[in-house]
Amino acid sequence: MEINKINRGAINSYNAIKSAKAPAAGKKAGGTFDSVEIDFSQSISSAKASVASRLNAEANIEKIKQLQAQYDGDKCPVSAEDAAKAVLGE
């Protein structure tokens, strides 16, 4: 398979790094490695709390109750017939 327009410099750099990481002849692969553990649970909890507080601020309970009372029963400013026509595209 032939690949055109490939960045040969990037491939050569990759191969150089790969060969530099390879163990020397007669030396076992392995050894000591550094490890990093990243715990995102605190960040995720903080983000969830932030989103929840914004949602609670937007959904004002008093405003919802006011609207429910305003549109309760037959008080809706749009008739059922008009709503049905709009849904059916008439």
C-alpha atoms as a PDB file:
ATOM      1  CA  MET A   1       0.000   0.000   0.000  1.00  0.00           C
ATOM      2  CA  GLU A   2       1.323   3.428  -0.895  1.00  0.00           C
ATOM      3  CA  ILE A   3       0.560   6.504   1.158  1.00  0.00           C
ATOM      4  CA  ASN A   4       1.138   9.846  -0.513  1.00  0.00           C
ATOM      5  CA  LYS A   5       1.848  13.194   1.109  1.00  0.00           C
ATOM      6  CA  ILE A   6       3.099  11.757   4.371  1.00  0.00           C
ATOM      7  CA  ASN A   7       5.225  13.779   6.746  1.00  0.00           C
ATOM      8  CA  ARG A   8       8.471  11.809   6.713  1.00  0.00           C
ATOM      9  CA  GLY A   9       9.982  14.009   9.440  1.00  0.00           C
ATOM     10  CA  ALA A  10       7.252  13.007  11.871  1.00  0.00           C
ATOM     11  CA  ILE A  11       7.775   9.320  11.085  1.00  0.00           C
ATOM     12  CA  ASN A  12      11.546   9.622  11.509  1.00  0.00           C
ATOM     13  CA  SER A  13      11.043  11.408  14.853  1.00  0.00           C
ATOM     14  CA  TYR A  14       8.650   8.689  15.989  1.00  0.00           C
ATOM     15  CA  ASN A  15      11.078   5.945  15.003  1.00  0.00           C
ATOM     16  CA  ALA A  16      13.951   7.723  16.778  1.00  0.00           C
ATOM     17  CA  ILE A  17      11.937   8.036  19.993  1.00  0.00           C
ATOM     18  CA  LYS A  18      10.746   4.454  19.708  1.00  0.00           C
ATOM     19  CA  SER A  19      14.294   3.127  19.278  1.00  0.00           C
ATOM     20  CA  ALA A  20      15.565   5.309  22.154  1.00  0.00           C
ATOM     21  CA  LYS A  21      12.954   3.775  24.437  1.00  0.00           C
ATOM     22  CA  ALA A  22      13.806   0.238  23.388  1.00  0.00           C
ATOM     23  CA  PRO A  23      15.878  -1.655  25.979  1.00  0.00           C
ATOM     24  CA  ALA A  24      19.552  -2.099  25.263  1.00  0.00           C
ATOM     25  CA  ALA A  25      20.732  -5.491  24.026  1.00  0.00           C
ATOM     26  CA  GLY A  26      20.780  -7.976  26.869  1.00  0.00           C
ATOM     27  CA  LYS A  27      18.764  -5.731  29.146  1.00  0.00           C
ATOM     28  CA  LYS A  28      15.267  -6.736  30.218  1.00  0.00           C
ATOM     29  CA  ALA A  29      12.339  -4.536  29.322  1.00  0.00           C
ATOM     30  CA  GLY A  30      10.579  -3.112  32.303  1.00  0.00           C
ATOM     31  CA  GLY A  31      12.146  -1.355  35.221  1.00  0.00           C
ATOM     32  CA  THR A  32      10.741   1.480  37.207  1.00  0.00           C
ATOM     33  CA  PHE A  33       7.933   3.598  35.902  1.00  0.00           C
ATOM     34  CA  ASP A  34       6.255   6.675  37.223  1.00  0.00           C
ATOM     35  CA  SER A  35       2.520   6.533  37.538  1.00  0.00           C
ATOM     36  CA  VAL A  36      -0.072   9.201  37.988  1.00  0.00           C
ATOM     37  CA  GLU A  37      -3.574   8.678  39.297  1.00  0.00           C
ATOM     38  CA  ILE A  38      -6.054  11.391  38.510  1.00  0.00           C
ATOM     39  CA  ASP A  39      -9.243  11.592  40.521  1.00  0.00           C
ATOM     40  CA  PHE A  40     -11.915  13.674  38.835  1.00  0.00           C
ATOM     41  CA  SER A  41     -14.651  12.850  41.341  1.00  0.00           C
ATOM     42  CA  GLN A  42     -14.297  16.163  43.202  1.00  0.00           C
ATOM     43  CA  SER A  43     -14.369  18.153  39.954  1.00  0.00           C
ATOM     44  CA  ILE A  44     -17.382  16.213  38.700  1.00  0.00           C
ATOM     45  CA  SER A  45     -19.251  16.687  41.979  1.00  0.00           C
ATOM     46  CA  SER A  46     -18.526  20.407  41.872  1.00  0.00           C
ATOM     47  CA  ALA A  47     -19.724  20.670  38.278  1.00  0.00           C
ATOM     48  CA  LYS A  48     -22.920  18.759  39.101  1.00  0.00           C
ATOM     49  CA  ALA A  49     -23.637  21.055  42.035  1.00  0.00           C
ATOM     50  CA  SER A  50     -23.065  24.114  39.860  1.00  0.00           C
ATOM     51  CA  VAL A  51     -25.436  22.883  37.162  1.00  0.00           C
ATOM     52  CA  ALA A  52     -28.058  21.908  39.727  1.00  0.00           C
ATOM     53  CA  SER A  53     -27.955  25.334  41.377  1.00  0.00           C
ATOM     54  CA  ARG A  54     -28.346  27.066  37.998  1.00  0.00           C
ATOM     55  CA  LEU A  55     -31.310  24.854  37.135  1.00  0.00           C
ATOM     56  CA  ASN A  56     -32.949  25.561  40.486  1.00  0.00           C
ATOM     57  CA  ALA A  57     -32.484  29.276  39.951  1.00  0.00           C
ATOM     58  CA  GLU A  58     -34.081  29.050  36.504  1.00  0.00           C
ATOM     59  CA  ALA A  59     -37.018  26.948  37.687  1.00  0.00           C
ATOM     60  CA  ASN A  60     -38.492  29.352  40.168  1.00  0.00           C
ATOM     61  CA  ILE A  61     -41.106  27.371  42.068  1.00  0.00           C
ATOM     62  CA  GLU A  62     -43.282  30.403  42.756  1.00  0.00           C
ATOM     63  CA  LYS A  63     -43.363  31.315  39.071  1.00  0.00           C
ATOM     64  CA  ILE A  64     -44.390  27.748  38.197  1.00  0.00           C
ATOM     65  CA  LYS A  65     -47.228  27.841  40.742  1.00  0.00           C
ATOM     66  CA  GLN A  66     -48.377  31.200  39.394  1.00  0.00           C
ATOM     67  CA  LEU A  67     -48.480  29.877  35.829  1.00  0.00           C
ATOM     68  CA  GLN A  68     -50.315  26.724  36.917  1.00  0.00           C
ATOM     69  CA  ALA A  69     -53.015  28.845  38.561  1.00  0.00           C
ATOM     70  CA  GLN A  70     -53.169  31.140  35.539  1.00  0.00           C
ATOM     71  CA  TYR A  71     -53.728  28.248  33.095  1.00  0.00           C
ATOM     72  CA  ASP A  72     -55.752  25.960  35.353  1.00  0.00           C
ATOM     73  CA  GLY A  73     -58.893  24.437  33.854  1.00  0.00           C
ATOM     74  CA  ASP A  74     -60.415  26.384  30.966  1.00  0.00           C
ATOM     75  CA  LYS A  75     -58.315  29.504  31.559  1.00  0.00           C
ATOM     76  CA  CYS A  76     -55.862  28.695  28.774  1.00  0.00           C
ATOM     77  CA  PRO A  77     -55.750  31.575  26.258  1.00  0.00           C
ATOM     78  CA  VAL A  78     -55.544  29.097  23.353  1.00  0.00           C
ATOM     79  CA  SER A  79     -58.607  27.002  22.666  1.00  0.00           C
ATOM     80  CA  ALA A  80     -58.322  23.240  22.307  1.00  0.00           C
ATOM     81  CA  GLU A  81     -59.660  23.570  18.757  1.00  0.00           C
ATOM     82  CA  ASP A  82     -56.891  26.050  17.804  1.00  0.00           C
ATOM     83  CA  ALA A  83     -54.256  23.800  19.367  1.00  0.00           C
ATOM     84  CA  ALA A  84     -55.569  20.768  17.439  1.00  0.00           C
ATOM     85  CA  LYS A  85     -55.548  22.735  14.166  1.00  0.00           C
ATOM     86  CA  ALA A  86     -51.942  23.801  14.799  1.00  0.00           C
ATOM     87  CA  VAL A  87     -50.864  20.219  15.490  1.00  0.00           C
ATOM     88  CA  LEU A  88     -52.641  18.918  12.390  1.00  0.00           C
ATOM     89  CA  GLY A  89     -51.204  21.718  10.262  1.00  0.00           C
ATOM     90  CA  GLU A  90     -54.528  23.221   9.264  1.00  0.00           C
END
